[in-house]
Every structure is written in C-alpha cells, then in structure tokens.
Amino acid sequence: MARRVVRGTTQQRTVVGLDEAVVDVLRGQLAVVAERAVAAIIDEVPSYAGALSGPMGATIRNAVQLALGGFLTLAKREGESLPMAPALEGAYQLGRGEARNGRTMEALLAAYRIGARVSWRDMSRTAVGAGIDAGQMSRFAELVFAYIDELSAASAAGHTDELESTGRLRQRNLERLARALVTGASADSVVAAAERAGWAPPVELVAVLLPESQAAHASTLIDADTLQPVEDLPGIPDGWALLLVPSTGSAAARAGLLRALRSTSSVVGPSVPWLEAARSHQLAARAFDLGLSGLVDTNAHLAALVLAAESDTRTALRVQVLAPLAGQRPSTIEKLTETLRSWVLNQGRRDAVAAELFVHPQTVRYRVQQLRELYGDRLEDPQFVLEATLALA
C-alpha cells in the first residue's frame, strides 16, 4: 500500500518570535509539562489507564518532550521556514503504533486534546512569568493549537493507514485459511494458517451455501468469525457463496443458525470438527445438486444424500437387481419393478403394498408370485433385500 504523505503547514503560519531567554525558561520546564500531560491523559482517557507505565510510559513521555521542544523551536523563529517533517513523522508512527496496540482513533485524538490543554496551561503560565507581552501571548496560543492540530492529523493518518494495511493483510490470511479448509489441506498447514490470520478455531464448523446476493446480509446475522473464501473453488456453484460458520456442535447452536438463515435460500451442511470443514462443504454441495428449494438442512435429507452419493454405482446395482426381469415385456417389467420396490420397502406387508400401488391385494399376491418365480429364494435373502432397497429407493 502507498504510504500517505503528511506535510506540515505550521511553518507558513503564525510567527511568535519568542526571546531566547523565554525559550530557555520554557525548555527547562519541558520534563514537568510532559509528565503532567501524560498524567492527565492517563486520568481522563480510559483506554490509556495503566498503559503508560514502565518502558512504554517513558517512551511516550520522551516523545511528548521532543514534540514540545520542536514547538519551541518554531515559536522563537522570526519568519524563516523551519521543517516539521521529523515531528510529523514521529506523530504518524505514533498513530500506527496506537492502532497496533488496539486503541481507537477517538482515544488517540482525546489524548492530543488533553495533552494540548495541559501543555498550554503550564507553558502559558511559565511564559507570562518570563515576561512575554500580550501580542506574543496571543500568537503563542495560536501556534500551540495549530501545531497540535497538525501533529494529531499526522497521527490520525498513521492510525488509519495501519488499520487499512493490517485489515487487508488479515483478510487475505482469512481467505487463505478458508481455502485451505475447503480444499482439505493438511491439519498442520490449516492450523498454521489460522495462527497467521489470528483466528481462534471453534469447536466445529458448518458449511453454508447461499446466493451471493444474500451472503452479506446473512453474515450480519451469524458468528462474526465466519470465514468466506472468495476464490472460485470446486463445489461452489456460479452465483453462490460459501460461508464456514463457527459452531459449538450442539443442537441449540444448529437451531439458532437455521433460525438466522430462515429468510435465505441456504443449503446448510452438517456441523463437523473444524479441521474437517471440507466434509461439511462436500455434503452441502451434494444437497445443492438435489435441486431442493428454500432453506435446506442437510440433516433432514441424509437418506437422499446417501442414495445420491454414488450415482454410477447405484445405476450398476439397479441393473444387477433387475436383471431377472430382462426377458419380460416392458409393461410387465414396469409393474414388477414397482411391486418389488414396494415389497422390500414395506417389508412384505401385502396390504401396505396394495395401498401404496392402488391395486387389489390379490393383484399384489399375483405379482409377488411372478417375482418368486423369477428370483427364487433371493427374495428372502437379507443381502438381496438390502441391494434392492438401495437400488430402487
């Protein structure tokens, strides 16, 4: 990312022209002023409570002193243009550091306001005691706040740049993590990707397929740590998005997810251990291929998914099961096939078969007799019954 250029303008503004003697007196107070400013910031900005002790506190106090020293250099000039680049660079880097430490822009700018107030109070009191005249005091005040404005603007720029750059980097890492999960990468590489992304693994993950137009809204209704791969991946239909939603794996968690997605056309895969997210994605993709509409919970369609899992194998099994019917007329094959299917699914209950096929029980008896002549004892063989159930269900 291109680094933002921060240019100061204070050197083109107010000329104070403080006497060297006044400047020397003010310089002698810089350590005390910096200490008071930092103490006020700690006291008044909750984000800084306890944050400015130890080495970090010493670093901040030193930075405040350097900033005030730079200000005094400006205050004694007589019209010459003095560069502010070092001060602005320091303020910019301070902003980046505060963003990395998790403090908000509001907290940073509040610290500047409080620091300016305390610094002006102490420095103006010292300046008056050193004999500064009224005209110089007015220009002195103007310069203080113009100087602080520029430093705070530079820090705000650094804060924004840091958030943008780290945010983009983390987003890229999250996308790489999602891809690794979906493509079934090794556990070690997935764990490493999660660490790089700063993503805390949940107990389980649920794959959710939904139209791209609904993904953004759905993301606001579910867990904030949800992952979304953005690259084209196998098993994600055109125009659809994939979400990997954290879950505890409990029934209550799944019910909550389904409630959140009730207004969408989502296909919700099973909840699986997080490192096995590819399995949830694969089952959701197979459920999508069933052509079901509305909110689809794969847990409610497991039997259909099992039967659809190996279509070629199932076709071969069907051909094998129906082979004894091959010599019959097409109309007979059709009637005997539907009777065999109903017979195995209703466990040989003649009345149930008759009710399902809308025929008389005697008709069922006649057809079953035909099947016995063609299949023999296989109709009583549990292995054949299983194969016929899978082939004809």
Protein backbone atom coordinates (compact mmCIF):
# COMPACT_ATOMS: atom_id res chain seq x y z
CA MET A 1 0.00 0.00 0.00
CA ALA A 2 1.23 3.51 -0.80
CA ARG A 3 2.34 5.39 2.26
CA ARG A 4 0.33 8.52 2.94
CA VAL A 5 2.35 11.73 2.67
CA VAL A 6 1.79 14.12 5.57
CA ARG A 7 3.00 17.66 5.07
CA GLY A 8 3.03 20.29 7.76
CA THR A 9 1.84 23.85 7.21
CA THR A 10 2.55 25.38 10.60
CA GLN A 11 5.83 26.91 9.41
CA GLN A 12 3.87 29.07 6.98
CA ARG A 13 1.57 30.42 9.67
CA THR A 14 1.98 32.27 12.96
CA VAL A 15 5.29 33.94 13.77
CA VAL A 16 5.77 34.35 17.55
CA GLY A 17 9.42 35.34 17.80
CA LEU A 18 9.92 34.43 21.47
CA ASP A 19 13.06 35.79 23.10
CA GLU A 20 15.80 33.25 23.62
CA ALA A 21 15.60 33.82 27.37
CA VAL A 22 11.89 32.95 27.42
CA VAL A 23 12.51 29.87 25.32
CA ASP A 24 15.24 28.74 27.72
CA VAL A 25 12.87 29.05 30.68
CA LEU A 26 10.20 27.08 28.83
CA ARG A 27 12.69 24.39 27.83
CA GLY A 28 13.62 23.99 31.45
CA GLN A 29 10.01 23.07 32.22
CA LEU A 30 9.50 20.55 29.41
CA ALA A 31 10.01 17.44 31.55
CA VAL A 32 7.48 18.66 34.12
CA VAL A 33 4.97 19.69 31.44
CA ALA A 34 5.30 16.34 29.68
CA GLU A 35 4.80 14.47 32.97
CA ARG A 36 1.65 16.42 33.77
CA ALA A 37 0.25 15.98 30.27
CA VAL A 38 0.77 12.23 30.38
CA ALA A 39 -0.76 12.01 33.87
CA ALA A 40 -3.84 13.89 32.67
CA ILE A 41 -4.19 11.58 29.67
CA ILE A 42 -4.00 8.50 31.91
CA ASP A 43 -6.57 10.02 34.27
CA GLU A 44 -9.07 11.18 31.65
CA VAL A 45 -8.86 8.66 28.79
CA PRO A 46 -9.90 5.15 29.92
CA SER A 47 -8.02 3.46 27.05
CA TYR A 48 -4.73 4.73 28.48
CA ALA A 49 -5.32 3.65 32.07
CA GLY A 50 -2.29 1.62 33.09
CA ALA A 51 -0.87 1.78 29.56
CA LEU A 52 1.78 4.42 30.14
CA SER A 53 3.72 2.83 32.96
CA GLY A 54 7.11 1.16 32.62
CA PRO A 55 9.22 1.43 29.45
CA MET A 56 6.26 2.38 27.29
CA GLY A 57 5.36 5.28 29.54
CA ALA A 58 8.94 6.52 29.45
CA THR A 59 8.91 6.36 25.66
CA ILE A 60 5.68 8.37 25.45
CA ARG A 61 6.92 10.98 27.90
CA ASN A 62 10.11 11.37 25.90
CA ALA A 63 8.08 11.74 22.70
CA VAL A 64 5.94 14.45 24.31
CA GLN A 65 9.07 16.33 25.39
CA LEU A 66 10.54 16.12 21.88
CA ALA A 67 7.27 17.38 20.36
CA LEU A 68 7.17 20.31 22.78
CA GLY A 69 10.83 21.01 22.09
CA GLY A 70 10.11 21.15 18.38
CA PHE A 71 7.27 23.52 19.09
CA LEU A 72 9.56 25.89 20.99
CA THR A 73 11.95 25.90 18.04
CA LEU A 74 9.07 27.09 15.88
CA ALA A 75 7.96 29.63 18.49
CA LYS A 76 11.26 31.50 18.51
CA ARG A 77 11.63 31.83 14.72
CA GLU A 78 11.44 35.22 13.08
CA GLY A 79 9.85 34.29 9.78
CA GLU A 80 12.22 31.65 8.46
CA SER A 81 10.67 28.38 7.32
CA LEU A 82 11.61 25.54 9.64
CA PRO A 83 10.83 21.94 8.61
CA MET A 84 8.26 19.98 10.63
CA ALA A 85 8.98 16.70 8.89
CA PRO A 86 10.64 14.98 11.90
CA ALA A 87 7.77 15.90 14.24
CA LEU A 88 5.15 14.87 11.71
CA GLU A 89 6.92 11.57 11.02
CA GLY A 90 7.04 10.86 14.75
CA ALA A 91 3.33 11.64 15.10
CA TYR A 92 2.50 9.45 12.11
CA GLN A 93 4.40 6.50 13.57
CA LEU A 94 2.73 7.10 16.94
CA GLY A 95 -0.66 6.75 15.22
CA ARG A 96 0.36 3.46 13.62
CA GLY A 97 1.64 2.16 16.93
CA GLU A 98 -1.59 3.05 18.73
CA ALA A 99 -3.61 1.21 16.08
CA ARG A 100 -1.42 -1.87 16.54
CA ASN A 101 -1.99 -1.64 20.29
CA GLY A 102 -5.74 -1.68 19.74
CA ARG A 103 -6.54 1.89 20.76
CA THR A 104 -9.18 3.75 18.80
CA MET A 105 -8.81 6.96 16.84
CA GLU A 106 -11.15 8.62 19.34
CA ALA A 107 -8.86 7.71 22.24
CA LEU A 108 -5.80 8.97 20.36
CA LEU A 109 -7.38 12.33 19.47
CA ALA A 110 -8.70 12.71 23.03
CA ALA A 111 -5.14 12.23 24.27
CA TYR A 112 -3.99 15.01 21.94
CA ARG A 113 -6.72 17.38 23.14
CA ILE A 114 -5.92 16.75 26.79
CA GLY A 115 -2.18 16.99 26.18
CA ALA A 116 -2.64 20.32 24.37
CA ARG A 117 -4.80 21.72 27.16
CA VAL A 118 -2.37 20.78 29.92
CA SER A 119 0.67 21.88 27.92
CA TRP A 120 -0.87 25.25 27.11
CA ARG A 121 -1.88 25.83 30.72
CA ASP A 122 1.60 25.14 32.08
CA MET A 123 3.60 26.74 29.28
CA SER A 124 1.47 29.90 29.16
CA ARG A 125 1.87 30.33 32.92
CA THR A 126 5.64 29.99 32.58
CA ALA A 127 5.72 32.35 29.57
CA VAL A 128 3.77 35.04 31.46
CA GLY A 129 6.15 34.69 34.39
CA ALA A 130 9.07 35.16 31.98
CA GLY A 131 7.66 38.47 30.77
CA ILE A 132 6.03 37.62 27.44
CA ASP A 133 3.89 40.52 26.15
CA ALA A 134 0.17 40.30 25.25
CA GLY A 135 0.73 40.25 21.49
CA GLN A 136 3.21 37.43 21.73
CA MET A 137 0.88 35.53 24.09
CA SER A 138 -1.92 35.65 21.51
CA ARG A 139 0.34 34.38 18.75
CA PHE A 140 1.81 31.84 21.14
CA ALA A 141 -1.67 30.39 21.81
CA GLU A 142 -2.48 30.27 18.11
CA LEU A 143 0.76 28.44 17.36
CA VAL A 144 0.22 25.89 20.17
CA PHE A 145 -3.11 24.73 18.84
CA ALA A 146 -2.11 24.89 15.16
CA TYR A 147 0.92 22.75 16.00
CA ILE A 148 -1.17 20.21 17.92
CA ASP A 149 -3.71 20.10 15.10
CA GLU A 150 -1.02 19.11 12.64
CA LEU A 151 0.50 16.50 14.91
CA SER A 152 -2.90 14.96 15.63
CA ALA A 153 -3.74 14.94 11.91
CA ALA A 154 -0.47 13.12 11.19
CA SER A 155 -1.23 10.58 13.94
CA ALA A 156 -4.75 10.10 12.63
CA ALA A 157 -3.29 9.40 9.17
CA GLY A 158 -0.90 6.83 10.65
CA HIS A 159 -3.72 5.21 12.63
CA THR A 160 -5.91 4.92 9.53
CA ASP A 161 -3.10 3.58 7.36
CA GLU A 162 -2.19 0.93 9.92
CA LEU A 163 -5.78 -0.27 10.23
CA GLU A 164 -6.17 -0.41 6.46
CA SER A 165 -2.94 -2.30 5.87
CA THR A 166 -3.36 -4.76 8.76
CA GLY A 167 -7.02 -5.20 7.92
CA ARG A 168 -6.23 -6.12 4.33
CA LEU A 169 -3.45 -8.46 5.39
CA ARG A 170 -5.68 -10.23 7.91
CA GLN A 171 -8.47 -10.52 5.35
CA ARG A 172 -6.09 -12.15 2.89
CA ASN A 173 -4.95 -14.56 5.59
CA LEU A 174 -8.55 -15.40 6.49
CA GLU A 175 -9.32 -16.11 2.83
CA ARG A 176 -6.27 -18.38 2.57
CA LEU A 177 -7.43 -20.18 5.72
CA ALA A 178 -10.91 -20.69 4.24
CA ARG A 179 -9.41 -22.09 1.05
CA ALA A 180 -7.16 -24.47 2.99
CA LEU A 181 -10.17 -25.76 4.95
CA VAL A 182 -12.36 -26.23 1.88
CA THR A 183 -9.68 -27.98 -0.18
CA GLY A 184 -8.79 -30.39 2.63
CA ALA A 185 -5.23 -29.20 3.24
CA SER A 186 -3.17 -30.97 5.91
CA ALA A 187 -4.04 -30.28 9.53
CA ASP A 188 -0.62 -28.71 10.19
CA SER A 189 -0.96 -26.24 7.33
CA VAL A 190 -4.51 -25.31 8.32
CA VAL A 191 -3.52 -24.71 11.95
CA ALA A 192 -0.60 -22.55 10.78
CA ALA A 193 -2.95 -20.57 8.50
CA ALA A 194 -5.31 -19.97 11.43
CA GLU A 195 -2.42 -18.67 13.54
CA ARG A 196 -1.28 -16.30 10.77
CA ALA A 197 -4.81 -14.95 10.46
CA GLY A 198 -5.22 -14.50 14.21
CA TRP A 199 -8.36 -16.68 14.00
CA ALA A 200 -9.34 -18.69 17.08
CA PRO A 201 -10.60 -22.12 15.92
CA PRO A 202 -14.11 -23.03 17.13
CA VAL A 203 -15.19 -26.49 18.23
CA GLU A 204 -16.90 -27.15 14.90
CA LEU A 205 -17.69 -25.52 11.55
CA VAL A 206 -20.81 -25.59 9.39
CA ALA A 207 -20.59 -25.05 5.62
CA VAL A 208 -23.40 -22.90 4.22
CA LEU A 209 -24.05 -22.39 0.51
CA LEU A 210 -26.24 -19.42 -0.38
CA PRO A 211 -26.75 -16.95 -3.23
CA GLU A 212 -24.07 -14.26 -3.38
CA SER A 213 -26.80 -11.62 -3.15
CA GLN A 214 -27.77 -12.95 0.29
CA ALA A 215 -24.29 -13.55 1.70
CA ALA A 216 -23.58 -10.04 3.01
CA HIS A 217 -26.88 -9.82 4.89
CA ALA A 218 -26.56 -13.37 6.24
CA SER A 219 -23.07 -12.57 7.55
CA THR A 220 -24.54 -9.90 9.82
CA LEU A 221 -26.87 -12.46 11.41
CA ILE A 222 -24.33 -15.16 12.27
CA ASP A 223 -20.98 -15.51 14.05
CA ALA A 224 -18.53 -12.65 13.38
CA ASP A 225 -15.68 -15.16 12.93
CA THR A 226 -17.38 -16.75 9.92
CA LEU A 227 -14.98 -17.46 7.05
CA GLN A 228 -15.75 -16.86 3.37
CA PRO A 229 -13.43 -17.98 0.57
CA VAL A 230 -13.61 -15.52 -2.32
CA GLU A 231 -11.78 -17.52 -4.98
CA ASP A 232 -13.55 -19.90 -7.35
CA LEU A 233 -13.45 -23.32 -5.73
CA PRO A 234 -14.88 -26.72 -6.69
CA GLY A 235 -18.33 -27.30 -5.26
CA ILE A 236 -19.37 -23.64 -5.17
CA PRO A 237 -21.95 -23.06 -7.93
CA ASP A 238 -21.77 -19.93 -10.08
CA GLY A 239 -23.53 -17.05 -8.38
CA TRP A 240 -23.35 -18.70 -4.97
CA ALA A 241 -21.13 -18.08 -1.95
CA LEU A 242 -19.74 -20.36 0.73
CA LEU A 243 -19.67 -19.47 4.42
CA LEU A 244 -17.88 -21.52 7.09
CA VAL A 245 -19.79 -20.75 10.27
CA PRO A 246 -18.31 -21.47 13.74
CA SER A 247 -20.46 -23.69 15.96
CA THR A 248 -20.33 -25.42 19.31
CA GLY A 249 -21.80 -28.51 17.69
CA SER A 250 -24.85 -28.52 19.95
CA ALA A 251 -28.45 -28.93 18.78
CA ALA A 252 -29.21 -25.47 20.16
CA ALA A 253 -26.40 -23.91 18.11
CA ARG A 254 -27.69 -25.52 14.92
CA ALA A 255 -31.25 -24.45 15.65
CA GLY A 256 -30.01 -20.88 16.15
CA LEU A 257 -28.13 -20.95 12.83
CA LEU A 258 -31.19 -22.25 10.98
CA ARG A 259 -33.32 -19.51 12.54
CA ALA A 260 -30.83 -16.86 11.45
CA LEU A 261 -30.92 -18.18 7.88
CA ARG A 262 -34.66 -18.81 7.65
CA SER A 263 -35.24 -15.96 5.18
CA THR A 264 -32.48 -17.16 2.81
CA SER A 265 -32.15 -19.89 0.19
CA SER A 266 -29.27 -21.52 2.04
CA VAL A 267 -28.04 -25.09 1.97
CA VAL A 268 -26.71 -25.86 5.45
CA GLY A 269 -24.17 -28.65 5.74
CA PRO A 270 -23.59 -30.76 8.87
CA SER A 271 -21.67 -29.47 11.87
CA VAL A 272 -18.23 -31.12 11.85
CA PRO A 273 -14.94 -30.73 13.75
CA TRP A 274 -13.37 -27.55 12.37
CA LEU A 275 -10.46 -29.29 10.67
CA GLU A 276 -12.98 -31.42 8.74
CA ALA A 277 -14.86 -28.46 7.23
CA ALA A 278 -14.30 -29.86 3.72
CA ARG A 279 -16.66 -32.71 4.61
CA SER A 280 -19.45 -30.30 5.54
CA HIS A 281 -18.85 -28.38 2.32
CA GLN A 282 -18.97 -31.53 0.18
CA LEU A 283 -22.27 -32.64 1.70
CA ALA A 284 -23.77 -29.16 1.25
CA ALA A 285 -22.70 -29.23 -2.41
CA ARG A 286 -24.34 -32.62 -2.91
CA ALA A 287 -27.52 -31.35 -1.25
CA PHE A 288 -27.47 -28.37 -3.63
CA ASP A 289 -27.44 -30.83 -6.54
CA LEU A 290 -30.69 -32.40 -5.27
CA GLY A 291 -32.47 -29.27 -6.52
CA LEU A 292 -34.33 -28.59 -3.28
CA SER A 293 -35.72 -25.09 -2.70
CA GLY A 294 -35.78 -22.70 0.26
CA LEU A 295 -33.70 -23.30 3.38
CA VAL A 296 -32.22 -26.80 3.09
CA ASP A 297 -30.95 -28.56 6.19
CA THR A 298 -28.77 -31.48 5.08
CA ASN A 299 -29.55 -33.27 8.35
CA ALA A 300 -33.14 -33.65 7.13
CA HIS A 301 -32.08 -35.21 3.81
CA LEU A 302 -29.35 -37.65 4.76
CA ALA A 303 -31.03 -40.70 3.18
CA ALA A 304 -31.42 -38.89 -0.15
CA LEU A 305 -27.81 -37.76 0.06
CA VAL A 306 -26.59 -41.30 0.69
CA LEU A 307 -28.50 -42.56 -2.32
CA ALA A 308 -27.23 -39.71 -4.49
CA ALA A 309 -23.61 -40.08 -3.38
CA GLU A 310 -22.56 -42.69 -5.99
CA SER A 311 -24.94 -42.39 -8.91
CA ASP A 312 -22.88 -44.60 -11.24
CA THR A 313 -22.58 -47.34 -8.63
CA ARG A 314 -26.27 -47.14 -7.87
CA THR A 315 -27.12 -47.45 -11.59
CA ALA A 316 -24.97 -50.57 -11.86
CA LEU A 317 -26.64 -52.03 -8.78
CA ARG A 318 -30.10 -51.33 -10.22
CA VAL A 319 -29.20 -53.12 -13.46
CA GLN A 320 -27.96 -56.11 -11.44
CA VAL A 321 -31.05 -56.27 -9.22
CA LEU A 322 -33.47 -56.08 -12.15
CA ALA A 323 -31.55 -58.49 -14.38
CA PRO A 324 -34.04 -61.39 -13.83
CA LEU A 325 -36.79 -59.24 -15.38
CA ALA A 326 -34.91 -58.68 -18.63
CA GLY A 327 -36.91 -61.24 -20.64
CA GLN A 328 -40.31 -59.78 -19.77
CA ARG A 329 -42.45 -57.33 -21.77
CA PRO A 330 -41.78 -53.63 -21.00
CA SER A 331 -45.19 -53.19 -19.33
CA THR A 332 -44.61 -56.27 -17.18
CA ILE A 333 -41.12 -55.07 -16.25
CA GLU A 334 -42.57 -51.73 -15.12
CA LYS A 335 -45.29 -53.35 -12.96
CA LEU A 336 -42.97 -55.92 -11.40
CA THR A 337 -40.30 -53.30 -10.71
CA GLU A 338 -42.71 -51.06 -8.79
CA THR A 339 -44.09 -54.09 -6.94
CA LEU A 340 -40.58 -55.29 -5.96
CA ARG A 341 -39.72 -51.79 -4.75
CA SER A 342 -42.84 -51.51 -2.63
CA TRP A 343 -42.45 -55.10 -1.39
CA VAL A 344 -38.95 -54.55 0.04
CA LEU A 345 -39.74 -51.07 1.40
CA ASN A 346 -42.92 -52.30 3.13
CA GLN A 347 -41.16 -55.44 4.39
CA GLY A 348 -43.52 -57.81 2.57
CA ARG A 349 -46.77 -56.46 4.03
CA ARG A 350 -49.25 -57.18 1.23
CA ASP A 351 -51.94 -54.72 2.32
CA ALA A 352 -49.40 -51.89 2.63
CA VAL A 353 -48.11 -52.67 -0.88
CA ALA A 354 -51.65 -52.71 -2.27
CA ALA A 355 -52.45 -49.36 -0.64
CA GLU A 356 -49.27 -47.78 -1.99
CA LEU A 357 -49.77 -49.06 -5.54
CA PHE A 358 -53.57 -48.54 -5.54
CA VAL A 359 -54.24 -52.15 -6.55
CA HIS A 360 -56.16 -55.06 -5.00
CA PRO A 361 -54.26 -57.29 -2.53
CA GLN A 362 -54.91 -60.22 -4.86
CA THR A 363 -53.08 -58.33 -7.60
CA VAL A 364 -50.14 -57.91 -5.25
CA ARG A 365 -50.24 -61.63 -4.46
CA TYR A 366 -50.19 -62.50 -8.17
CA ARG A 367 -47.26 -60.16 -8.91
CA VAL A 368 -45.24 -61.37 -5.93
CA GLN A 369 -45.77 -64.93 -7.17
CA GLN A 370 -44.30 -63.86 -10.51
CA LEU A 371 -41.33 -62.31 -8.71
CA ARG A 372 -40.76 -65.54 -6.76
CA GLU A 373 -40.68 -67.49 -9.99
CA LEU A 374 -38.08 -65.09 -11.41
CA TYR A 375 -35.96 -64.53 -8.29
CA GLY A 376 -36.46 -67.74 -6.35
CA ASP A 377 -35.14 -67.74 -2.77
CA ARG A 378 -33.30 -64.44 -3.29
CA LEU A 379 -36.45 -62.57 -2.22
CA GLU A 380 -35.82 -63.91 1.30
CA ASP A 381 -32.07 -63.20 1.27
CA PRO A 382 -31.24 -60.18 3.52
CA GLN A 383 -28.32 -59.21 1.25
CA PHE A 384 -30.57 -59.08 -1.81
CA VAL A 385 -33.24 -57.16 0.11
CA LEU A 386 -30.61 -54.57 1.06
CA GLU A 387 -29.37 -54.29 -2.51
CA ALA A 388 -32.90 -53.96 -3.89
CA THR A 389 -33.72 -51.31 -1.29
CA LEU A 390 -30.66 -49.23 -2.25
CA ALA A 391 -31.18 -49.74 -5.98
CA LEU A 392 -34.91 -48.97 -6.09
CA ALA A 393 -35.43 -46.50 -3.21
